[in-house]
Amino acid sequence: MHKYIFSFILVIASALNLVAEQKVEGTIDAFLGKSSLDVQPVFRGERMGNIVVTMKGTVLATWGTSHVRAKRSEDGGKTWGPEIVIAKPGFQTGGLTVNETNGDIFAFIEDRHPPATITIYKSSDDGKSWQKIPTNIKPDSKGNAPSMHMNEHGITLRHGEHKGRLIRPSRWYAGKNDRSLWPKHYTNAIYSDDGGKTWNTSDPFPANGTGEATLAELSDGTIYYNSRRHWAEEGANPRRRWTATSKDGGKTWNDLKFCEVLPDGPQNTNYGCMGGLTRLAIKGRDILIYSNCDSAGGRKQGTVWASFDGGKTWPIKRLVFAGSHAYSSITSGRPGTKTEGMIYHHFEGGPKGGSAVAKFNLSWVLGGESTGDGTVPSWVKP
């Protein structure tokens, strides 16, 4: 009997080591080659999408405002399995986070449109089933408890002294989502160093009026943060994005800048729109892909922008879907899986309403139009 127990332990340990040793960054060549774009309807009705790729290479999309459900694709996004209910009732808040150390996936769900009670769900079987876990999220340095609504997916840090840390964007609502309180709102992030058991909240983002943010870790360990704006101080353009960086693993945010190139949703409103952001899984390169509307009016003209220097410049953009396109989320495929070399873009709208997932590669993005903001480097051209 003891021999069988010991053998079982060895099998589990080997599986955990396999995840821990899995290559998380590959080469740029995988993202190049023949240009490719495919758009598929995924969910019907409701709103609020997020998307990640699991450690096994499963594309995992989540959705919903009455109940939160997921769909999985085990063939690189060609086909999708049935809906899996994560929480009912439940309100999607984004921030899906894959722990690259052991493969666990975390979903953050609120009872209703926030501010509301937060419940964390965890999957340890590649998104097939989900269980509630204790929710322990500490307040920020101002004593404010963060809301999870409605941010881009989280990440596992891969570089530097905080390697293995889980981090996802979050926000503070100043009590409620009244227009009069927008100048007090701010974004931040929550992070965990114990595999998701407890979460600390970062210092506030250094600009008020912000909410619904994105983040990505660069190859030197810097965290690049990009946020929607619900309000802008007098004299500032509310139709573009705020950015900042962190050198301490997401505890504090500095180097606040105003990005003149990236739109914050339709340009006939000051209200902005949630966008997506991902860093491609390429070793030693800081290629970022950002998604949002690119329209003079209305949430449509879904477009992606590419940066090849960690967000300093955004020299090229390409239209993904000309019709309805609102909130969006975007993620990179994983080396050694069926998703390698692909980019997955989950957005509200699409050919049948509800949501759609666009799957494309970097070669397809490179066929877009110049923004005039820098140039595409020679090392990235196919």
Protein backbone atom coordinates (compact mmCIF):
# COMPACT_ATOMS: atom_id res chain seq x y z
CA MET A 1 0.00 0.00 0.00
CA HIS A 2 2.78 2.44 0.93
CA LYS A 3 4.46 1.73 -2.41
CA TYR A 4 1.30 2.74 -4.31
CA ILE A 5 0.88 5.92 -2.26
CA PHE A 6 4.51 6.83 -2.90
CA SER A 7 4.06 6.22 -6.64
CA PHE A 8 0.96 8.43 -6.68
CA ILE A 9 2.86 11.23 -4.95
CA LEU A 10 5.65 10.94 -7.52
CA VAL A 11 3.13 11.25 -10.37
CA ILE A 12 1.60 14.40 -8.85
CA ALA A 13 5.02 15.90 -8.16
CA SER A 14 6.12 15.18 -11.73
CA ALA A 15 3.01 16.91 -13.09
CA LEU A 16 3.65 19.99 -10.97
CA ASN A 17 7.30 20.08 -12.05
CA LEU A 18 6.22 19.79 -15.68
CA VAL A 19 4.11 22.93 -15.32
CA ALA A 20 6.86 24.73 -13.44
CA GLU A 21 9.46 23.86 -16.11
CA GLN A 22 7.22 24.55 -19.11
CA LYS A 23 8.64 27.12 -21.45
CA VAL A 24 6.55 30.28 -21.12
CA GLU A 25 8.30 32.35 -23.79
CA GLY A 26 9.28 31.29 -27.30
CA THR A 27 10.58 32.90 -30.49
CA ILE A 28 9.16 35.55 -32.78
CA ASP A 29 9.20 33.14 -35.73
CA ALA A 30 6.16 31.33 -34.34
CA PHE A 31 4.08 34.53 -34.65
CA LEU A 32 5.13 35.20 -38.24
CA GLY A 33 4.67 33.17 -41.42
CA LYS A 34 1.49 33.25 -43.49
CA SER A 35 -0.93 36.02 -42.47
CA SER A 36 -3.99 34.62 -40.69
CA LEU A 37 -7.27 35.98 -39.28
CA ASP A 38 -10.38 34.09 -38.16
CA VAL A 39 -13.41 35.52 -36.31
CA GLN A 40 -15.90 33.23 -34.54
CA PRO A 41 -19.04 33.98 -32.49
CA VAL A 42 -18.67 32.50 -29.00
CA PHE A 43 -21.31 33.73 -26.50
CA ARG A 44 -24.84 35.11 -26.98
CA GLY A 45 -26.47 37.92 -25.01
CA GLU A 46 -25.17 39.85 -21.99
CA ARG A 47 -21.69 41.39 -21.77
CA MET A 48 -18.22 41.45 -20.22
CA GLY A 49 -15.64 39.12 -21.79
CA ASN A 50 -12.18 38.00 -20.75
CA ILE A 51 -9.75 35.55 -22.34
CA VAL A 52 -6.58 33.68 -21.35
CA VAL A 53 -4.61 30.66 -22.52
CA THR A 54 -4.06 28.01 -19.86
CA MET A 55 -0.77 26.24 -19.21
CA LYS A 56 -2.03 23.28 -21.26
CA GLY A 57 -2.76 25.56 -24.21
CA THR A 58 -6.53 25.65 -23.79
CA VAL A 59 -8.10 28.94 -24.87
CA LEU A 60 -10.44 29.95 -22.04
CA ALA A 61 -13.06 32.66 -22.58
CA THR A 62 -15.43 33.91 -19.86
CA TRP A 63 -18.59 36.00 -20.09
CA GLY A 64 -21.77 37.13 -18.34
CA THR A 65 -23.59 39.58 -16.08
CA SER A 66 -26.42 37.41 -14.72
CA HIS A 67 -24.23 34.37 -14.31
CA VAL A 68 -20.59 33.90 -15.26
CA ARG A 69 -19.74 31.10 -17.63
CA ALA A 70 -16.75 29.87 -19.56
CA LYS A 71 -16.05 28.19 -22.87
CA ARG A 72 -12.92 26.19 -23.63
CA SER A 73 -11.13 25.47 -26.89
CA GLU A 74 -8.60 22.63 -26.84
CA ASP A 75 -7.69 22.92 -30.53
CA GLY A 76 -6.21 26.40 -30.60
CA GLY A 77 -9.49 28.26 -31.08
CA LYS A 78 -10.88 26.27 -34.01
CA THR A 79 -13.87 24.91 -32.05
CA TRP A 80 -15.42 25.64 -28.66
CA GLY A 81 -16.89 23.31 -26.07
CA PRO A 82 -20.16 23.81 -24.17
CA GLU A 83 -20.72 26.56 -21.62
CA ILE A 84 -19.42 25.85 -18.13
CA VAL A 85 -21.09 27.78 -15.32
CA ILE A 86 -18.59 29.30 -12.91
CA ALA A 87 -21.06 31.22 -10.72
CA LYS A 88 -24.85 31.67 -10.80
CA PRO A 89 -25.81 34.34 -10.01
CA GLY A 90 -22.65 36.29 -10.71
CA PHE A 91 -21.27 39.35 -12.48
CA GLN A 92 -18.13 39.05 -14.59
CA THR A 93 -15.31 41.33 -13.44
CA GLY A 94 -12.47 40.28 -15.73
CA GLY A 95 -9.05 39.64 -14.28
CA LEU A 96 -8.83 35.93 -15.15
CA THR A 97 -5.39 34.94 -13.91
CA VAL A 98 -3.36 31.84 -14.76
CA ASN A 99 -0.78 30.78 -12.18
CA GLU A 100 2.11 29.69 -14.38
CA THR A 101 3.74 27.90 -11.44
CA ASN A 102 1.09 25.19 -11.05
CA GLY A 103 -1.59 25.81 -13.69
CA ASP A 104 -4.33 27.07 -11.34
CA ILE A 105 -6.75 29.62 -12.83
CA PHE A 106 -8.53 32.31 -10.80
CA ALA A 107 -11.83 34.03 -11.64
CA PHE A 108 -13.00 37.08 -9.68
CA ILE A 109 -16.79 37.43 -9.53
CA GLU A 110 -19.02 40.04 -7.91
CA ASP A 111 -22.65 39.63 -6.84
CA ARG A 112 -23.90 42.39 -9.14
CA HIS A 113 -22.69 45.52 -10.89
CA PRO A 114 -20.20 46.93 -8.38
CA PRO A 115 -19.47 48.05 -5.82
CA ALA A 116 -20.42 44.58 -4.62
CA THR A 117 -19.17 41.57 -2.69
CA ILE A 118 -16.28 39.73 -4.37
CA THR A 119 -15.91 35.95 -4.52
CA ILE A 120 -12.85 34.22 -5.93
CA TYR A 121 -13.23 30.94 -7.81
CA LYS A 122 -10.36 28.62 -8.67
CA SER A 123 -9.94 25.89 -11.26
CA SER A 124 -7.20 23.28 -10.93
CA ASP A 125 -8.29 21.18 -13.91
CA ASP A 126 -7.67 23.52 -16.86
CA GLY A 127 -10.97 25.39 -16.51
CA LYS A 128 -13.27 22.35 -16.56
CA SER A 129 -14.63 22.90 -13.03
CA TRP A 130 -14.55 25.76 -10.51
CA GLN A 131 -14.69 26.01 -6.73
CA LYS A 132 -15.14 28.93 -4.36
CA ILE A 133 -12.07 29.69 -2.27
CA PRO A 134 -11.60 32.06 0.69
CA THR A 135 -11.42 35.66 -0.48
CA ASN A 136 -8.69 37.61 1.31
CA ILE A 137 -7.97 40.93 -0.42
CA LYS A 138 -6.32 43.60 1.72
CA PRO A 139 -7.14 47.31 1.29
CA ASP A 140 -4.74 49.76 -0.33
CA SER A 141 -2.50 52.32 1.38
CA LYS A 142 -5.47 54.70 1.69
CA GLY A 143 -7.55 52.05 3.42
CA ASN A 144 -9.82 51.54 0.41
CA ALA A 145 -10.98 48.06 -0.58
CA PRO A 146 -10.63 47.48 -4.33
CA SER A 147 -13.28 46.46 -6.81
CA MET A 148 -12.41 43.94 -9.50
CA HIS A 149 -14.74 45.40 -12.17
CA MET A 150 -14.07 45.38 -15.18
CA ASN A 151 -10.40 44.89 -15.93
CA GLU A 152 -8.16 42.97 -18.29
CA HIS A 153 -6.80 39.54 -17.34
CA GLY A 154 -4.01 39.12 -14.80
CA ILE A 155 -0.56 37.61 -15.29
CA THR A 156 2.19 35.69 -13.50
CA LEU A 157 5.42 37.67 -13.24
CA ARG A 158 8.28 35.88 -15.02
CA HIS A 159 11.30 38.04 -14.24
CA GLY A 160 13.24 39.49 -11.31
CA GLU A 161 12.84 39.18 -7.57
CA HIS A 162 9.03 38.93 -7.77
CA LYS A 163 9.03 36.04 -10.24
CA GLY A 164 5.97 33.87 -9.61
CA ARG A 165 3.83 36.74 -8.27
CA LEU A 166 0.23 36.82 -9.49
CA ILE A 167 -1.04 40.29 -10.36
CA ARG A 168 -4.18 41.68 -11.97
CA PRO A 169 -5.57 45.21 -12.41
CA SER A 170 -8.30 46.45 -10.08
CA ARG A 171 -9.89 49.80 -9.13
CA TRP A 172 -11.55 51.90 -6.42
CA TYR A 173 -15.07 53.20 -6.98
CA ALA A 174 -15.19 55.99 -4.36
CA GLY A 175 -18.34 54.42 -2.94
CA LYS A 176 -20.39 54.06 -6.12
CA ASN A 177 -20.32 54.67 -9.86
CA ASP A 178 -21.96 58.10 -9.90
CA ARG A 179 -20.70 60.59 -12.46
CA SER A 180 -20.13 63.13 -9.68
CA LEU A 181 -17.64 60.73 -8.06
CA TRP A 182 -15.61 59.93 -11.17
CA PRO A 183 -12.90 62.48 -10.30
CA LYS A 184 -12.22 60.44 -7.14
CA HIS A 185 -12.05 57.04 -8.84
CA TYR A 186 -8.67 55.44 -9.49
CA THR A 187 -7.21 52.19 -10.71
CA ASN A 188 -4.66 50.00 -8.94
CA ALA A 189 -3.76 46.30 -8.87
CA ILE A 190 -3.93 43.34 -6.52
CA TYR A 191 -1.09 40.83 -6.24
CA SER A 192 -0.42 37.54 -4.47
CA ASP A 193 2.86 35.90 -3.45
CA ASP A 194 1.29 32.76 -1.99
CA GLY A 195 -0.46 31.28 -5.00
CA GLY A 196 -3.70 33.22 -4.61
CA LYS A 197 -4.44 32.59 -0.93
CA THR A 198 -4.01 36.24 0.04
CA TRP A 199 -3.91 39.38 -2.08
CA ASN A 200 -2.34 42.76 -1.37
CA THR A 201 -3.52 45.93 -3.08
CA SER A 202 -1.06 48.28 -4.74
CA ASP A 203 -0.81 51.99 -4.18
CA PRO A 204 -3.29 54.00 -6.26
CA PHE A 205 -2.54 54.71 -9.90
CA PRO A 206 -1.13 58.27 -10.06
CA ALA A 207 -4.12 59.74 -11.94
CA ASN A 208 -7.70 60.00 -10.70
CA GLY A 209 -10.71 59.47 -12.91
CA THR A 210 -9.29 56.15 -14.09
CA GLY A 211 -10.84 52.68 -14.16
CA GLU A 212 -10.83 49.44 -16.17
CA ALA A 213 -7.14 48.91 -16.74
CA THR A 214 -4.62 46.56 -18.31
CA LEU A 215 -1.07 45.53 -17.47
CA ALA A 216 1.82 43.55 -18.93
CA GLU A 217 5.28 42.59 -17.67
CA LEU A 218 8.19 43.58 -19.89
CA SER A 219 11.30 41.43 -20.33
CA ASP A 220 13.29 43.41 -17.73
CA GLY A 221 10.61 42.93 -15.05
CA THR A 222 9.04 46.38 -15.46
CA ILE A 223 5.24 46.31 -15.35
CA TYR A 224 3.56 48.46 -17.99
CA TYR A 225 0.11 49.74 -16.93
CA ASN A 226 -2.47 51.18 -19.35
CA SER A 227 -5.79 52.56 -18.10
CA ARG A 228 -9.15 53.76 -19.34
CA ARG A 229 -10.20 57.26 -18.32
CA HIS A 230 -13.70 58.06 -17.07
CA TRP A 231 -12.80 61.66 -16.32
CA ALA A 232 -9.98 64.04 -17.21
CA GLU A 233 -8.76 67.10 -15.40
CA GLU A 234 -9.25 70.47 -17.09
CA GLY A 235 -7.12 70.87 -20.20
CA ALA A 236 -6.42 67.16 -20.67
CA ASN A 237 -7.72 65.07 -23.56
CA PRO A 238 -10.13 62.50 -22.09
CA ARG A 239 -10.14 60.48 -25.31
CA ARG A 240 -6.68 58.96 -24.96
CA ARG A 241 -5.10 56.56 -22.43
CA TRP A 242 -3.02 57.03 -19.30
CA THR A 243 0.06 54.82 -18.82
CA ALA A 244 2.49 54.24 -15.95
CA THR A 245 5.12 51.69 -14.93
CA SER A 246 6.18 49.78 -11.83
CA LYS A 247 9.71 48.69 -10.93
CA ASP A 248 8.72 46.94 -7.69
CA GLY A 249 6.45 44.18 -8.93
CA GLY A 250 3.28 46.26 -8.99
CA LYS A 251 3.33 47.82 -5.52
CA THR A 252 3.78 51.41 -6.72
CA TRP A 253 3.22 53.20 -10.04
CA ASN A 254 5.40 55.91 -11.54
CA ASP A 255 6.34 57.56 -14.84
CA LEU A 256 2.77 58.69 -15.53
CA LYS A 257 2.30 59.50 -19.22
CA PHE A 258 -0.46 60.41 -21.60
CA CYS A 259 -0.54 58.20 -24.71
CA GLU A 260 -1.52 60.35 -27.69
CA VAL A 261 -1.74 57.38 -30.07
CA LEU A 262 -4.08 54.91 -28.39
CA PRO A 263 -7.78 55.85 -28.37
CA ASP A 264 -9.89 55.34 -25.28
CA GLY A 265 -12.96 54.19 -27.14
CA PRO A 266 -15.10 56.29 -29.52
CA GLN A 267 -13.80 59.81 -30.01
CA ASN A 268 -17.17 61.54 -29.56
CA THR A 269 -17.34 60.77 -25.83
CA ASN A 270 -15.29 61.51 -22.74
CA TYR A 271 -16.29 58.22 -21.12
CA GLY A 272 -13.74 55.85 -22.63
CA CYS A 273 -14.01 52.11 -23.22
CA MET A 274 -12.36 49.05 -21.70
CA GLY A 275 -9.48 47.86 -23.89
CA GLY A 276 -7.33 44.75 -24.03
CA LEU A 277 -3.57 44.37 -23.71
CA THR A 278 -1.08 41.52 -23.92
CA ARG A 279 2.64 41.02 -24.32
CA LEU A 280 3.47 38.34 -26.86
CA ALA A 281 5.23 35.30 -25.38
CA ILE A 282 8.55 36.03 -27.09
CA LYS A 283 11.80 35.79 -25.14
CA GLY A 284 13.74 39.06 -24.95
CA ARG A 285 11.24 41.09 -26.99
CA ASP A 286 8.62 43.50 -25.69
CA ILE A 287 5.90 43.31 -28.32
CA LEU A 288 2.60 44.58 -26.92
CA ILE A 289 -0.79 44.31 -28.61
CA TYR A 290 -3.59 46.70 -27.56
CA SER A 291 -7.26 46.50 -28.60
CA ASN A 292 -10.10 49.03 -28.60
CA CYS A 293 -12.58 50.87 -30.81
CA ASP A 294 -11.09 53.13 -33.47
CA SER A 295 -14.15 55.15 -34.41
CA ALA A 296 -15.22 58.78 -34.52
CA GLY A 297 -18.49 57.77 -32.88
CA GLY A 298 -20.02 54.59 -31.52
CA ARG A 299 -18.47 51.42 -30.17
CA LYS A 300 -17.39 49.85 -33.45
CA GLN A 301 -14.33 49.54 -35.68
CA GLY A 302 -12.52 47.08 -33.41
CA THR A 303 -8.80 47.56 -33.99
CA VAL A 304 -5.47 46.34 -32.63
CA TRP A 305 -2.27 48.36 -32.26
CA ALA A 306 1.25 46.91 -31.95
CA SER A 307 4.23 48.24 -29.99
CA PHE A 308 7.70 46.76 -30.38
CA ASP A 309 9.42 48.70 -27.58
CA GLY A 310 7.28 47.98 -24.54
CA GLY A 311 4.68 50.69 -25.13
CA LYS A 312 6.94 53.64 -26.00
CA THR A 313 5.66 53.80 -29.58
CA TRP A 314 2.75 52.21 -31.44
CA PRO A 315 3.71 52.32 -35.13
CA ILE A 316 1.06 50.08 -36.69
CA LYS A 317 -2.63 49.25 -36.34
CA ARG A 318 -5.11 46.99 -38.13
CA LEU A 319 -8.89 46.75 -38.19
CA VAL A 320 -10.17 43.44 -36.79
CA PHE A 321 -13.93 43.91 -37.11
CA ALA A 322 -15.74 46.90 -38.65
CA GLY A 323 -19.08 46.33 -36.93
CA SER A 324 -20.09 46.41 -33.27
CA HIS A 325 -17.06 46.20 -30.97
CA ALA A 326 -17.17 47.33 -27.33
CA TYR A 327 -15.27 45.91 -24.32
CA SER A 328 -12.39 43.64 -25.29
CA SER A 329 -9.69 41.35 -23.91
CA ILE A 330 -6.62 39.98 -25.68
CA THR A 331 -4.04 37.29 -24.91
CA SER A 332 -1.02 35.53 -26.39
CA GLY A 333 -0.69 31.87 -27.32
CA ARG A 334 1.74 29.66 -25.39
CA PRO A 335 4.91 28.01 -26.71
CA GLY A 336 4.73 24.26 -27.24
CA THR A 337 0.92 24.18 -27.48
CA LYS A 338 -1.66 24.42 -30.27
CA THR A 339 -1.97 28.13 -29.50
CA GLU A 340 1.70 28.91 -30.16
CA GLY A 341 2.17 31.91 -32.44
CA MET A 342 -1.45 33.07 -32.26
CA ILE A 343 -3.16 36.06 -30.63
CA TYR A 344 -6.70 35.74 -29.24
CA HIS A 345 -9.03 38.74 -29.04
CA HIS A 346 -12.38 38.35 -27.22
CA PHE A 347 -14.76 41.27 -27.77
CA GLU A 348 -18.36 42.35 -27.26
CA GLY A 349 -20.07 42.42 -30.64
CA GLY A 350 -19.01 40.46 -33.67
CA PRO A 351 -21.01 39.01 -36.57
CA LYS A 352 -23.88 37.67 -34.43
CA GLY A 353 -23.86 39.97 -31.40
CA GLY A 354 -23.01 38.70 -27.93
CA SER A 355 -19.28 38.09 -28.22
CA ALA A 356 -16.73 36.87 -30.72
CA VAL A 357 -13.13 35.71 -30.62
CA ALA A 358 -10.73 36.85 -33.33
CA LYS A 359 -7.64 34.68 -33.82
CA PHE A 360 -4.71 36.11 -35.76
CA ASN A 361 -0.93 36.19 -35.91
CA LEU A 362 1.63 38.98 -35.90
CA SER A 363 2.10 38.72 -39.66
CA TRP A 364 -1.55 39.69 -40.05
CA VAL A 365 -1.08 42.74 -37.78
CA LEU A 366 1.98 43.80 -39.80
CA GLY A 367 -0.27 44.07 -42.86
CA GLY A 368 -2.05 47.02 -41.26
CA GLU A 369 -1.54 50.77 -41.61
CA SER A 370 1.07 53.08 -40.15
CA THR A 371 0.08 55.34 -37.27
CA GLY A 372 3.07 57.64 -37.76
CA ASP A 373 4.24 56.87 -34.22
CA GLY A 374 7.67 55.36 -34.81
CA THR A 375 8.51 52.52 -37.19
CA VAL A 376 8.30 48.74 -37.21
CA PRO A 377 11.84 47.44 -36.52
CA SER A 378 13.59 45.37 -39.17
CA TRP A 379 13.95 42.36 -36.87
CA VAL A 380 10.18 41.86 -36.75
CA LYS A 381 9.34 41.97 -40.44
CA PRO A 382 8.39 38.58 -41.96
